[in-house]
C-alpha cells in the first residue's frame, strides 16, 4: 500500500531548526489543534525547533456510529483498548515513519526528533517511537495508553530502549480512563523505559501547568546541545 506524505501544518521557532517535534492530534481533530501551544511552551529563544503537525486521514469510526472523521485508527468500543484496530495502527505507523524519515532527510538527526501526541495521537507516538529503528530524542504521550501492548516486547527497538518518555494524564478523563494511562506507564516502567509521569485534576484535555511542564522537559532534552 502506497503511503503519500501526510499533509501537515509546519512552523519553526527560528530560521535554522536543529530539532524537530512531530505532534499527532487526537480523534476528530486536525493538525491545527495543537498549533497554539508552540508560543506557550516557553522554549528558549536560541532553541530553533521545527514543529510538524500532521493531519490524520479521514475514516469511518465505529464507536461514533461509522461517522467519517480524522483518525489514526478505528475505535470499536467505548472501552478504547478492546478489539484494537491493528491494521489501522500499523498503517498510520508507516505514514508517521515517513515523516520521521523526511526530517532526517532535511538534516535533523533522529536523536534530535521528538514524537509527541495527544489521545489517539499519543497512543501512536508510543507505538511508533518505541519501535523506531533509530534512536529518537524523546516521546511525549498525553492522555493516552499503550496500544497493542502485547506486541511491544518482541517488536520494541533496542535503539529506543532508553529514550525519555513524558506521559501526562487527567485524573478525571472520561474518554481515555486515567487507570488505562497509569497501567501503560507501569508496563513501560517494568520494561525499563525512563518515564516522567504527571497527573492533573482535569478531564480529556491539556492544561496550562502541563504545557509548562512539557516545555521544561523539552528544554532540558533539546536545549543544551
N, C-alpha and C. Protein backbone atom coordinates (compact mmCIF):
# COMPACT_ATOMS: atom_id res chain seq x y z
N UNK A 1 0.84 -1.19 0.00
CA UNK A 1 0.00 0.00 0.00
C UNK A 1 0.88 1.25 0.00
N UNK A 2 0.60 2.17 -0.93
CA UNK A 2 1.43 3.37 -1.04
C UNK A 2 1.01 4.38 0.01
N UNK A 3 1.97 4.94 0.72
CA UNK A 3 1.68 5.95 1.74
C UNK A 3 2.26 7.28 1.29
N UNK A 4 1.43 8.18 0.73
CA UNK A 4 1.96 9.51 0.43
C UNK A 4 2.26 10.24 1.74
N UNK A 5 3.12 11.24 1.68
CA UNK A 5 3.44 12.01 2.89
C UNK A 5 2.16 12.70 3.38
N UNK A 6 1.89 12.58 4.67
CA UNK A 6 0.68 13.20 5.23
C UNK A 6 0.74 14.72 5.10
N UNK A 7 -0.40 15.37 4.82
CA UNK A 7 -0.39 16.84 4.84
C UNK A 7 -0.14 17.31 6.27
N UNK A 8 0.60 18.39 6.43
CA UNK A 8 1.00 18.86 7.77
C UNK A 8 0.89 20.37 7.87
N UNK A 9 0.67 20.84 9.08
CA UNK A 9 0.90 22.24 9.43
C UNK A 9 2.34 22.28 9.94
N UNK A 10 3.15 23.20 9.42
CA UNK A 10 4.54 23.27 9.88
C UNK A 10 4.87 24.68 10.32
N UNK A 11 5.56 24.79 11.45
CA UNK A 11 6.07 26.10 11.83
C UNK A 11 7.38 25.94 12.57
N UNK A 12 8.26 26.91 12.41
CA UNK A 12 9.58 26.84 13.04
C UNK A 12 9.74 28.02 13.99
N UNK A 13 10.46 27.78 15.09
CA UNK A 13 10.68 28.85 16.07
C UNK A 13 11.94 29.64 15.76
N UNK A 14 12.59 29.32 14.65
CA UNK A 14 13.78 30.06 14.24
C UNK A 14 14.13 29.66 12.82
N UNK A 15 15.07 30.37 12.21
CA UNK A 15 15.33 30.12 10.79
C UNK A 15 16.24 28.92 10.52
N UNK A 16 16.91 28.42 11.58
CA UNK A 16 17.78 27.26 11.37
C UNK A 16 17.46 26.18 12.40
N UNK A 17 16.34 25.46 12.21
CA UNK A 17 15.95 24.46 13.21
C UNK A 17 17.02 23.38 13.38
N UNK A 18 17.30 23.06 14.65
CA UNK A 18 18.26 22.00 14.95
C UNK A 18 17.55 20.80 15.59
N UNK A 19 16.23 20.90 15.70
CA UNK A 19 15.44 19.80 16.26
C UNK A 19 14.05 19.86 15.64
N UNK A 20 13.37 18.72 15.63
CA UNK A 20 12.00 18.66 15.10
C UNK A 20 11.09 17.97 16.11
N UNK A 21 9.87 18.47 16.20
CA UNK A 21 8.85 17.84 17.03
C UNK A 21 7.67 17.53 16.14
N UNK A 22 7.37 16.23 16.01
CA UNK A 22 6.22 15.78 15.22
C UNK A 22 5.10 15.52 16.22
N UNK A 23 4.01 16.29 16.11
CA UNK A 23 2.96 16.28 17.14
C UNK A 23 1.66 15.77 16.52
N UNK A 24 1.14 14.67 17.07
CA UNK A 24 -0.02 13.99 16.49
C UNK A 24 -1.29 14.32 17.28
N UNK A 25 -2.30 14.80 16.57
CA UNK A 25 -3.55 15.23 17.21
C UNK A 25 -4.42 14.04 17.62
N UNK A 26 -5.51 14.33 18.32
CA UNK A 26 -6.45 13.30 18.77
C UNK A 26 -7.55 13.05 17.76
N UNK A 27 -8.42 12.09 18.06
CA UNK A 27 -9.52 11.69 17.19
C UNK A 27 -10.43 12.88 16.87
N UNK A 28 -10.72 13.05 15.58
CA UNK A 28 -11.67 14.07 15.16
C UNK A 28 -11.10 15.48 15.10
N UNK A 29 -9.85 15.65 15.50
CA UNK A 29 -9.20 16.97 15.43
C UNK A 29 -8.38 17.04 14.15
N UNK A 30 -7.50 18.03 14.03
CA UNK A 30 -6.58 18.06 12.88
C UNK A 30 -5.27 18.70 13.32
N UNK A 31 -4.38 18.88 12.37
CA UNK A 31 -3.05 19.39 12.69
C UNK A 31 -3.04 20.77 13.34
N UNK A 32 -4.13 21.54 13.16
CA UNK A 32 -4.16 22.89 13.74
C UNK A 32 -4.42 22.85 15.25
N UNK A 33 -4.86 21.71 15.76
CA UNK A 33 -5.34 21.61 17.14
C UNK A 33 -4.29 22.05 18.16
N UNK A 34 -3.04 21.61 17.98
CA UNK A 34 -2.00 21.92 18.97
C UNK A 34 -1.06 23.04 18.52
N UNK A 35 -1.34 23.61 17.36
CA UNK A 35 -0.52 24.73 16.86
C UNK A 35 -0.38 25.86 17.90
N UNK A 36 -1.49 26.23 18.62
CA UNK A 36 -1.38 27.35 19.56
C UNK A 36 -0.46 27.11 20.75
N UNK A 37 -0.06 25.85 21.01
CA UNK A 37 0.78 25.65 22.20
C UNK A 37 2.24 26.07 21.96
N UNK A 38 2.64 26.20 20.70
CA UNK A 38 4.07 26.46 20.42
C UNK A 38 4.60 27.67 21.19
N UNK A 39 3.93 28.85 21.10
CA UNK A 39 4.48 30.00 21.85
C UNK A 39 4.34 29.87 23.37
N UNK A 40 3.47 28.98 23.85
CA UNK A 40 3.19 28.86 25.28
C UNK A 40 4.16 27.90 25.98
N UNK A 41 4.91 27.11 25.20
CA UNK A 41 5.82 26.12 25.78
C UNK A 41 6.98 26.78 26.53
N UNK A 42 7.28 28.03 26.17
CA UNK A 42 8.36 28.74 26.85
C UNK A 42 9.74 28.21 26.49
N UNK A 43 9.91 27.72 25.26
CA UNK A 43 11.23 27.22 24.84
C UNK A 43 12.20 28.40 24.72
N UNK A 44 13.48 28.18 25.03
CA UNK A 44 14.45 29.28 24.93
C UNK A 44 14.57 29.79 23.49
N UNK A 45 14.76 31.10 23.35
CA UNK A 45 14.83 31.73 22.02
C UNK A 45 15.90 31.11 21.14
N UNK A 46 17.00 30.69 21.77
CA UNK A 46 18.11 30.16 20.97
C UNK A 46 17.86 28.73 20.48
N UNK A 47 16.81 28.10 20.99
CA UNK A 47 16.49 26.75 20.53
C UNK A 47 15.52 26.85 19.35
N UNK A 48 16.03 26.55 18.16
CA UNK A 48 15.20 26.64 16.95
C UNK A 48 14.63 25.25 16.63
N UNK A 49 13.32 25.16 16.71
CA UNK A 49 12.64 23.87 16.54
C UNK A 49 11.65 23.96 15.38
N UNK A 50 11.62 22.91 14.57
CA UNK A 50 10.56 22.81 13.56
C UNK A 50 9.45 21.93 14.14
N UNK A 51 8.25 22.49 14.21
CA UNK A 51 7.08 21.72 14.65
C UNK A 51 6.32 21.23 13.43
N UNK A 52 5.99 19.96 13.43
CA UNK A 52 5.22 19.36 12.34
C UNK A 52 3.95 18.78 12.95
N UNK A 53 2.81 19.30 12.49
CA UNK A 53 1.51 18.84 13.00
C UNK A 53 0.76 18.18 11.85
N UNK A 54 0.90 16.86 11.68
CA UNK A 54 0.24 16.20 10.55
C UNK A 54 -1.28 16.09 10.75
N UNK A 55 -2.00 16.05 9.64
CA UNK A 55 -3.44 15.78 9.65
C UNK A 55 -3.63 14.28 9.44
N UNK A 56 -4.35 13.62 10.34
CA UNK A 56 -4.66 12.20 10.16
C UNK A 56 -5.61 12.04 8.98
N UNK A 57 -5.57 10.90 8.30
CA UNK A 57 -6.55 10.64 7.23
C UNK A 57 -7.96 10.50 7.82
N UNK A 58 -8.98 10.74 7.02
CA UNK A 58 -10.36 10.55 7.48
C UNK A 58 -10.80 9.11 7.24
N UNK A 59 -11.52 8.56 8.19
CA UNK A 59 -12.01 7.19 8.08
C UNK A 59 -13.28 7.04 8.93
N UNK A 60 -14.11 6.02 8.63
CA UNK A 60 -15.27 5.79 9.49
C UNK A 60 -14.83 5.28 10.86
N UNK A 61 -15.41 5.84 11.91
CA UNK A 61 -15.05 5.43 13.27
C UNK A 61 -16.25 4.72 13.92
N UNK A 62 -16.07 3.43 14.18
CA UNK A 62 -17.16 2.56 14.64
C UNK A 62 -17.86 3.12 15.87
N UNK A 63 -17.07 3.53 16.87
CA UNK A 63 -17.64 3.96 18.14
C UNK A 63 -18.50 5.23 17.97
N UNK A 64 -18.25 5.96 16.90
CA UNK A 64 -19.05 7.16 16.60
C UNK A 64 -20.06 6.88 15.49
N UNK A 65 -20.57 5.66 15.46
CA UNK A 65 -21.63 5.30 14.51
C UNK A 65 -21.17 5.25 13.07
N UNK A 66 -19.87 5.01 12.86
CA UNK A 66 -19.36 4.93 11.49
C UNK A 66 -19.16 6.28 10.84
N UNK A 67 -19.30 7.35 11.63
CA UNK A 67 -19.11 8.71 11.12
C UNK A 67 -17.66 8.87 10.65
N UNK A 68 -17.49 9.51 9.49
CA UNK A 68 -16.14 9.68 8.93
C UNK A 68 -15.49 10.92 9.53
N UNK A 69 -14.32 10.72 10.10
CA UNK A 69 -13.61 11.83 10.75
C UNK A 69 -12.11 11.55 10.73
N UNK A 70 -11.29 12.59 10.96
CA UNK A 70 -9.85 12.34 11.03
C UNK A 70 -9.53 11.38 12.19
N UNK A 71 -8.80 10.32 11.88
CA UNK A 71 -8.47 9.31 12.90
C UNK A 71 -7.19 8.60 12.49
N UNK A 72 -6.39 8.23 13.48
CA UNK A 72 -5.18 7.45 13.19
C UNK A 72 -5.53 5.97 13.06
N UNK A 73 -6.63 5.55 13.71
CA UNK A 73 -7.10 4.18 13.60
C UNK A 73 -8.54 4.14 14.09
N UNK A 74 -9.24 3.05 13.79
CA UNK A 74 -10.63 2.91 14.21
C UNK A 74 -10.69 2.58 15.71
N UNK A 75 -11.77 3.04 16.33
CA UNK A 75 -12.05 2.65 17.72
C UNK A 75 -13.38 1.92 17.71
N UNK A 76 -13.35 0.68 18.18
CA UNK A 76 -14.53 -0.18 18.02
C UNK A 76 -15.40 -0.25 19.26
N UNK A 77 -14.85 0.15 20.42
CA UNK A 77 -15.59 0.06 21.68
C UNK A 77 -15.39 1.33 22.49
N UNK A 78 -16.35 1.61 23.38
CA UNK A 78 -16.13 2.72 24.32
C UNK A 78 -14.97 2.37 25.25
N UNK A 79 -14.75 1.07 25.53
CA UNK A 79 -13.51 0.65 26.19
C UNK A 79 -12.44 0.66 25.10
N UNK A 80 -11.69 1.78 25.04
CA UNK A 80 -10.88 2.03 23.84
C UNK A 80 -9.77 1.02 23.60
N UNK A 81 -9.40 0.24 24.64
CA UNK A 81 -8.32 -0.72 24.41
C UNK A 81 -8.83 -2.11 24.03
N UNK A 82 -10.15 -2.24 23.81
CA UNK A 82 -10.70 -3.54 23.41
C UNK A 82 -10.79 -3.66 21.89
N UNK A 83 -10.51 -4.85 21.37
CA UNK A 83 -10.58 -5.12 19.92
C UNK A 83 -9.89 -4.02 19.12
N UNK A 84 -8.62 -3.83 19.39
CA UNK A 84 -7.89 -2.72 18.76
C UNK A 84 -7.72 -2.94 17.26
N UNK A 85 -7.71 -1.83 16.53
CA UNK A 85 -7.60 -1.84 15.07
C UNK A 85 -6.13 -1.96 14.66
N UNK A 86 -5.64 -3.19 14.71
CA UNK A 86 -4.21 -3.41 14.45
C UNK A 86 -3.81 -2.94 13.06
N UNK A 87 -4.63 -3.23 12.05
CA UNK A 87 -4.29 -2.83 10.67
C UNK A 87 -4.20 -1.31 10.56
N UNK A 88 -5.15 -0.61 11.19
CA UNK A 88 -5.15 0.86 11.15
C UNK A 88 -3.95 1.45 11.86
N UNK A 89 -3.63 0.87 13.02
CA UNK A 89 -2.47 1.35 13.80
C UNK A 89 -1.19 1.16 12.99
N UNK A 90 -1.05 0.01 12.37
CA UNK A 90 0.17 -0.27 11.61
C UNK A 90 0.26 0.60 10.35
N UNK A 91 -0.88 0.87 9.72
CA UNK A 91 -0.90 1.73 8.54
C UNK A 91 -0.47 3.15 8.90
N UNK A 92 -1.05 3.69 9.98
CA UNK A 92 -0.67 5.04 10.42
C UNK A 92 0.79 5.08 10.85
N UNK A 93 1.25 3.98 11.44
CA UNK A 93 2.65 3.90 11.87
C UNK A 93 3.59 4.10 10.68
N UNK A 94 3.25 3.50 9.56
CA UNK A 94 4.06 3.65 8.34
C UNK A 94 4.09 5.12 7.91
N UNK A 95 2.92 5.76 7.91
CA UNK A 95 2.84 7.18 7.49
C UNK A 95 3.66 8.08 8.40
N UNK A 96 3.60 7.81 9.71
CA UNK A 96 4.33 8.63 10.68
C UNK A 96 5.83 8.36 10.54
N UNK A 97 6.19 7.11 10.26
CA UNK A 97 7.59 6.76 10.00
C UNK A 97 8.16 7.55 8.82
N UNK A 98 7.32 7.77 7.79
CA UNK A 98 7.77 8.57 6.64
C UNK A 98 8.06 10.01 7.05
N UNK A 99 7.29 10.56 7.98
CA UNK A 99 7.54 11.93 8.44
C UNK A 99 8.87 12.02 9.18
N UNK A 100 9.17 10.98 9.98
CA UNK A 100 10.46 10.95 10.69
C UNK A 100 11.60 10.89 9.67
N UNK A 101 11.44 10.02 8.66
CA UNK A 101 12.47 9.90 7.61
C UNK A 101 12.66 11.22 6.87
N UNK A 102 11.55 11.92 6.63
CA UNK A 102 11.65 13.20 5.91
C UNK A 102 12.44 14.23 6.72
N UNK A 103 12.24 14.25 8.05
CA UNK A 103 13.01 15.18 8.89
C UNK A 103 14.50 14.84 8.85
N UNK A 104 14.80 13.53 8.86
CA UNK A 104 16.21 13.11 8.78
C UNK A 104 16.81 13.56 7.44
N UNK A 105 16.00 13.44 6.37
CA UNK A 105 16.46 13.91 5.05
C UNK A 105 16.66 15.44 5.03
N UNK A 106 15.90 16.14 5.86
CA UNK A 106 16.05 17.60 5.97
C UNK A 106 17.23 17.99 6.85
N UNK A 107 17.97 16.99 7.33
CA UNK A 107 19.19 17.29 8.08
C UNK A 107 19.05 17.29 9.59
N UNK A 108 17.89 16.87 10.10
CA UNK A 108 17.71 16.77 11.56
C UNK A 108 17.97 15.32 11.95
N UNK A 109 19.03 15.04 12.72
CA UNK A 109 19.29 13.64 13.08
C UNK A 109 18.16 13.08 13.95
N UNK A 110 17.95 11.78 13.90
CA UNK A 110 16.87 11.13 14.67
C UNK A 110 16.95 11.50 16.14
N UNK A 111 18.18 11.60 16.68
CA UNK A 111 18.32 11.89 18.11
C UNK A 111 17.95 13.33 18.48
N UNK A 112 17.53 14.12 17.46
CA UNK A 112 17.02 15.48 17.71
C UNK A 112 15.54 15.57 17.29
N UNK A 113 14.88 14.42 17.17
CA UNK A 113 13.46 14.39 16.78
C UNK A 113 12.64 13.86 17.96
N UNK A 114 11.60 14.63 18.31
CA UNK A 114 10.67 14.20 19.36
C UNK A 114 9.35 13.84 18.71
N UNK A 115 8.77 12.73 19.14
CA UNK A 115 7.47 12.31 18.65
C UNK A 115 6.48 12.55 19.79
N UNK A 116 5.48 13.40 19.53
CA UNK A 116 4.53 13.77 20.57
C UNK A 116 3.11 13.50 20.09
N UNK A 117 2.19 13.34 21.04
CA UNK A 117 0.80 13.17 20.64
C UNK A 117 -0.16 13.24 21.81
N UNK A 118 -1.40 13.54 21.49
CA UNK A 118 -2.48 13.61 22.47
C UNK A 118 -3.54 12.57 22.13
N UNK A 119 -4.00 11.82 23.15
CA UNK A 119 -5.07 10.86 22.98
C UNK A 119 -4.69 9.80 21.93
N UNK A 120 -5.47 9.66 20.87
CA UNK A 120 -5.10 8.69 19.80
C UNK A 120 -3.70 8.99 19.26
N UNK A 121 -3.38 10.27 19.15
CA UNK A 121 -2.05 10.68 18.67
C UNK A 121 -0.95 10.26 19.64
N UNK A 122 -1.25 10.32 20.95
CA UNK A 122 -0.28 9.90 21.96
C UNK A 122 -0.05 8.40 21.90
N UNK A 123 -1.15 7.65 21.69
CA UNK A 123 -1.03 6.20 21.52
C UNK A 123 -0.12 5.89 20.34
N UNK A 124 -0.30 6.64 19.23
CA UNK A 124 0.55 6.43 18.04
C UNK A 124 2.00 6.83 18.32
N UNK A 125 2.21 7.90 19.09
CA UNK A 125 3.58 8.33 19.42
C UNK A 125 4.31 7.22 20.18
N UNK A 126 3.61 6.59 21.13
CA UNK A 126 4.22 5.46 21.86
C UNK A 126 4.46 4.28 20.92
N UNK A 127 3.45 3.98 20.11
CA UNK A 127 3.56 2.81 19.22
C UNK A 127 4.75 2.96 18.27
N UNK A 128 4.82 4.11 17.61
CA UNK A 128 5.86 4.32 16.60
C UNK A 128 7.22 4.54 17.26
N UNK A 129 7.24 5.39 18.29
CA UNK A 129 8.51 5.77 18.90
C UNK A 129 9.28 4.60 19.48
N UNK A 130 8.57 3.69 20.15
CA UNK A 130 9.25 2.57 20.81
C UNK A 130 9.70 1.50 19.81
N UNK A 131 9.18 1.57 18.58
CA UNK A 131 9.57 0.60 17.55
C UNK A 131 10.50 1.21 16.50
N UNK A 132 10.77 2.50 16.62
CA UNK A 132 11.57 3.21 15.62
C UNK A 132 13.00 2.67 15.60
N UNK A 133 13.53 2.41 14.40
CA UNK A 133 14.84 1.75 14.33
C UNK A 133 16.00 2.67 14.73
N UNK A 134 15.82 4.00 14.59
CA UNK A 134 16.89 4.91 15.00
C UNK A 134 16.50 5.57 16.32
N UNK A 135 17.49 5.87 17.19
CA UNK A 135 17.15 6.44 18.50
C UNK A 135 16.59 7.86 18.37
N UNK A 136 15.44 8.09 18.96
CA UNK A 136 14.80 9.41 18.94
C UNK A 136 15.24 10.20 20.18
N UNK A 137 14.99 11.52 20.16
CA UNK A 137 15.31 12.35 21.33
C UNK A 137 14.37 12.04 22.48
N UNK A 138 13.08 11.87 22.16
CA UNK A 138 12.11 11.63 23.22
C UNK A 138 10.72 11.40 22.66
N UNK A 139 9.82 10.99 23.55
CA UNK A 139 8.42 10.73 23.19
C UNK A 139 7.54 11.43 24.22
N UNK A 140 6.51 12.12 23.73
CA UNK A 140 5.53 12.76 24.62
C UNK A 140 4.18 12.10 24.37
N UNK A 141 3.58 11.53 25.42
CA UNK A 141 2.32 10.79 25.28
C UNK A 141 1.32 11.34 26.29
N UNK A 142 0.34 12.09 25.79
CA UNK A 142 -0.60 12.79 26.66
C UNK A 142 -1.99 12.16 26.61
N UNK A 143 -2.59 11.93 27.77
CA UNK A 143 -3.98 11.44 27.86
C UNK A 143 -4.21 10.24 26.96
N UNK A 144 -3.34 9.24 27.09
CA UNK A 144 -3.41 8.11 26.14
C UNK A 144 -3.02 6.81 26.82
N UNK A 145 -2.74 5.80 26.03
CA UNK A 145 -2.41 4.47 26.53
C UNK A 145 -1.49 3.81 25.53
N UNK A 146 -0.95 2.66 25.92
CA UNK A 146 -0.02 1.91 25.09
C UNK A 146 -0.83 0.98 24.19
N UNK A 147 -0.89 1.24 22.86
CA UNK A 147 -1.69 0.36 22.00
C UNK A 147 -0.95 -0.94 21.67
N UNK A 148 -1.72 -1.98 21.40
CA UNK A 148 -1.16 -3.31 21.05
C UNK A 148 -0.01 -3.67 21.99
N UNK A 149 -0.29 -3.51 23.28
CA UNK A 149 0.73 -3.69 24.32
C UNK A 149 1.43 -5.05 24.22
N UNK A 150 0.64 -6.08 23.85
CA UNK A 150 1.19 -7.45 23.84
C UNK A 150 2.24 -7.65 22.73
N UNK A 151 2.29 -6.75 21.75
CA UNK A 151 3.28 -6.91 20.67
C UNK A 151 4.57 -6.14 20.97
N UNK A 152 4.55 -5.30 22.03
CA UNK A 152 5.69 -4.39 22.22
C UNK A 152 6.99 -5.12 22.50
N UNK A 153 6.96 -6.08 23.43
CA UNK A 153 8.23 -6.69 23.84
C UNK A 153 9.00 -7.30 22.68
N UNK A 154 8.28 -7.98 21.76
CA UNK A 154 9.01 -8.60 20.64
C UNK A 154 9.30 -7.60 19.51
N UNK A 155 8.58 -6.48 19.47
CA UNK A 155 8.78 -5.53 18.36
C UNK A 155 9.59 -4.30 18.77
N UNK A 156 9.80 -4.10 20.06
CA UNK A 156 10.48 -2.89 20.53
C UNK A 156 11.88 -2.81 19.92
N UNK A 157 12.28 -1.59 19.59
CA UNK A 157 13.60 -1.38 19.02
C UNK A 157 14.61 -1.15 20.15
N UNK A 158 15.75 -1.85 20.06
CA UNK A 158 16.83 -1.65 21.05
C UNK A 158 17.26 -0.19 21.08
N UNK A 159 17.21 0.47 19.91
CA UNK A 159 17.67 1.86 19.79
C UNK A 159 16.88 2.80 20.69
N UNK A 160 15.62 2.46 20.98
CA UNK A 160 14.79 3.37 21.77
C UNK A 160 14.44 2.82 23.15
N UNK A 161 15.28 1.89 23.64
CA UNK A 161 15.06 1.32 24.98
C UNK A 161 15.31 2.36 26.08
N UNK A 162 16.11 3.39 25.77
CA UNK A 162 16.46 4.38 26.80
C UNK A 162 15.96 5.77 26.43
N UNK A 163 15.05 5.83 25.48
CA UNK A 163 14.51 7.13 25.06
C UNK A 163 13.61 7.69 26.15
N UNK A 164 13.85 8.94 26.59
CA UNK A 164 12.99 9.53 27.62
C UNK A 164 11.55 9.67 27.13
N UNK A 165 10.61 9.31 28.01
CA UNK A 165 9.18 9.39 27.68
C UNK A 165 8.49 10.28 28.71
N UNK A 166 7.79 11.31 28.22
CA UNK A 166 6.99 12.18 29.08
C UNK A 166 5.54 11.75 28.93
N UNK A 167 4.91 11.32 30.03
CA UNK A 167 3.49 10.93 29.99
C UNK A 167 2.71 11.80 30.97
N UNK A 168 1.53 12.23 30.55
CA UNK A 168 0.67 13.00 31.44
C UNK A 168 -0.78 12.60 31.20
N UNK A 169 -1.60 12.70 32.25
CA UNK A 169 -2.98 12.25 32.14
C UNK A 169 -3.86 13.02 33.11
N UNK A 170 -5.08 13.30 32.70
CA UNK A 170 -6.07 13.91 33.58
C UNK A 170 -6.74 12.85 34.43
N UNK A 171 -6.80 13.09 35.73
CA UNK A 171 -7.37 12.11 36.66
C UNK A 171 -8.86 11.89 36.38
N UNK A 172 -9.53 12.92 35.83
CA UNK A 172 -10.98 12.82 35.60
C UNK A 172 -11.31 12.55 34.13
N UNK A 173 -10.38 11.97 33.39
CA UNK A 173 -10.57 11.75 31.95
C UNK A 173 -11.70 10.74 31.68
N UNK A 174 -12.78 11.16 31.00
CA UNK A 174 -13.88 10.23 30.72
C UNK A 174 -13.69 9.44 29.42
N UNK A 175 -12.73 9.83 28.59
CA UNK A 175 -12.52 9.22 27.26
C UNK A 175 -11.43 8.15 27.31
N UNK A 176 -10.26 8.56 27.76
CA UNK A 176 -9.14 7.63 27.94
C UNK A 176 -8.93 7.53 29.45
N UNK A 177 -9.52 6.53 30.09
CA UNK A 177 -9.51 6.49 31.56
C UNK A 177 -8.11 6.60 32.15
N UNK A 178 -8.03 7.35 33.26
CA UNK A 178 -6.76 7.55 33.94
C UNK A 178 -6.08 6.20 34.25
N UNK A 179 -6.89 5.21 34.68
CA UNK A 179 -6.34 3.89 35.04
C UNK A 179 -5.61 3.26 33.86
N UNK A 180 -6.14 3.49 32.66
CA UNK A 180 -5.54 2.92 31.45
C UNK A 180 -4.17 3.55 31.19
N UNK A 181 -4.09 4.87 31.34
CA UNK A 181 -2.80 5.56 31.18
C UNK A 181 -1.80 5.13 32.23
N UNK A 182 -2.29 5.01 33.47
CA UNK A 182 -1.42 4.63 34.58
C UNK A 182 -0.90 3.20 34.41
N UNK A 183 -1.78 2.33 33.93
CA UNK A 183 -1.40 0.93 33.65
C UNK A 183 -0.32 0.89 32.56
N UNK A 184 -0.47 1.72 31.53
CA UNK A 184 0.53 1.79 30.45
C UNK A 184 1.87 2.29 31.00
N UNK A 185 1.80 3.30 31.87
CA UNK A 185 3.03 3.82 32.48
C UNK A 185 3.73 2.72 33.27
N UNK A 186 2.95 1.95 34.07
CA UNK A 186 3.55 0.89 34.89
C UNK A 186 4.18 -0.19 34.01
N UNK A 187 3.51 -0.51 32.92
CA UNK A 187 4.01 -1.52 31.99
C UNK A 187 5.35 -1.07 31.38
N UNK A 188 5.39 0.19 30.95
CA UNK A 188 6.62 0.71 30.33
C UNK A 188 7.76 0.79 31.35
N UNK A 189 7.41 1.16 32.59
CA UNK A 189 8.42 1.23 33.65
C UNK A 189 8.99 -0.16 33.93
N UNK A 190 8.11 -1.15 33.97
CA UNK A 190 8.53 -2.55 34.18
C UNK A 190 9.48 -2.99 33.07
N UNK A 191 9.21 -2.52 31.84
CA UNK A 191 10.07 -2.89 30.71
C UNK A 191 11.37 -2.07 30.69
N UNK A 192 11.51 -1.14 31.63
CA UNK A 192 12.78 -0.41 31.76
C UNK A 192 12.84 0.94 31.09
N UNK A 193 11.72 1.43 30.56
CA UNK A 193 11.74 2.74 29.90
C UNK A 193 11.78 3.87 30.94
N UNK A 194 12.57 4.93 30.65
CA UNK A 194 12.62 6.06 31.59
C UNK A 194 11.40 6.97 31.40
N UNK A 195 10.44 6.87 32.31
CA UNK A 195 9.18 7.60 32.18
C UNK A 195 9.16 8.78 33.16
N UNK A 196 8.79 9.95 32.67
CA UNK A 196 8.44 11.06 33.57
C UNK A 196 6.93 11.16 33.53
N UNK A 197 6.29 10.99 34.68
CA UNK A 197 4.82 10.89 34.74
C UNK A 197 4.22 12.09 35.47
N UNK A 198 3.19 12.67 34.89
CA UNK A 198 2.47 13.78 35.53
C UNK A 198 0.97 13.49 35.49
N UNK A 199 0.27 13.80 36.57
CA UNK A 199 -1.19 13.71 36.52
C UNK A 199 -1.77 15.05 36.95
N UNK A 200 -2.93 15.38 36.40
CA UNK A 200 -3.56 16.67 36.63
C UNK A 200 -5.04 16.46 36.92
N UNK A 201 -5.65 17.35 37.74
CA UNK A 201 -7.08 17.19 38.08
C UNK A 201 -7.99 17.69 36.97
N UNK A 202 -7.86 17.11 35.79
CA UNK A 202 -8.61 17.59 34.62
C UNK A 202 -9.23 16.40 33.87
N UNK A 203 -10.05 16.70 32.85
CA UNK A 203 -10.65 15.68 32.00
C UNK A 203 -9.76 15.36 30.81
N UNK A 204 -10.38 15.20 29.63
CA UNK A 204 -9.63 14.78 28.44
C UNK A 204 -9.15 16.00 27.65
N UNK A 205 -8.19 16.68 28.21
CA UNK A 205 -7.59 17.84 27.52
C UNK A 205 -6.25 18.13 28.19
N UNK A 206 -5.58 19.19 27.76
CA UNK A 206 -4.33 19.57 28.43
C UNK A 206 -4.58 20.86 29.20
N UNK A 207 -3.73 21.13 30.19
CA UNK A 207 -3.88 22.35 30.97
C UNK A 207 -2.58 23.15 30.93
N UNK A 208 -2.65 24.39 31.39
CA UNK A 208 -1.50 25.32 31.32
C UNK A 208 -0.29 24.76 32.06
N UNK A 209 -0.53 24.19 33.23
CA UNK A 209 0.57 23.66 34.05
C UNK A 209 1.29 22.52 33.30
N UNK A 210 0.48 21.70 32.62
CA UNK A 210 1.02 20.57 31.84
C UNK A 210 1.89 21.08 30.68
N UNK A 211 1.40 22.12 29.99
CA UNK A 211 2.15 22.68 28.85
C UNK A 211 3.49 23.24 29.32
N UNK A 212 3.48 23.89 30.50
CA UNK A 212 4.74 24.41 31.07
C UNK A 212 5.70 23.25 31.39
N UNK A 213 5.15 22.16 31.95
CA UNK A 213 5.99 21.00 32.28
C UNK A 213 6.60 20.39 31.01
N UNK A 214 5.80 20.32 29.94
CA UNK A 214 6.30 19.81 28.65
C UNK A 214 7.42 20.72 28.15
N UNK A 215 7.22 22.03 28.26
CA UNK A 215 8.24 22.99 27.82
C UNK A 215 9.55 22.82 28.57
N UNK A 216 9.44 22.63 29.88
CA UNK A 216 10.66 22.43 30.70
C UNK A 216 11.37 21.14 30.29
N UNK A 217 10.57 20.09 30.08
CA UNK A 217 11.13 18.79 29.70
C UNK A 217 11.83 18.89 28.34
N UNK A 218 11.17 19.56 27.38
CA UNK A 218 11.77 19.73 26.04
C UNK A 218 13.04 20.56 26.10
N UNK A 219 13.03 21.60 26.93
CA UNK A 219 14.20 22.46 27.06
C UNK A 219 15.39 21.67 27.60
N UNK A 220 15.13 20.86 28.63
CA UNK A 220 16.21 20.03 29.20
C UNK A 220 16.70 19.00 28.18
N UNK A 221 15.77 18.49 27.38
CA UNK A 221 16.07 17.43 26.41
C UNK A 221 16.87 17.97 25.22
N UNK A 222 16.45 19.13 24.71
CA UNK A 222 16.98 19.64 23.44
C UNK A 222 17.81 20.90 23.57
N UNK A 223 17.69 21.58 24.72
CA UNK A 223 18.21 22.95 24.82
C UNK A 223 19.70 23.09 24.96
N UNK A 224 20.37 22.06 25.47
CA UNK A 224 21.80 22.27 25.78
C UNK A 224 22.71 21.60 24.76
N UNK A 225 22.21 21.43 23.52
CA UNK A 225 23.07 20.80 22.50
C UNK A 225 23.65 21.90 21.61
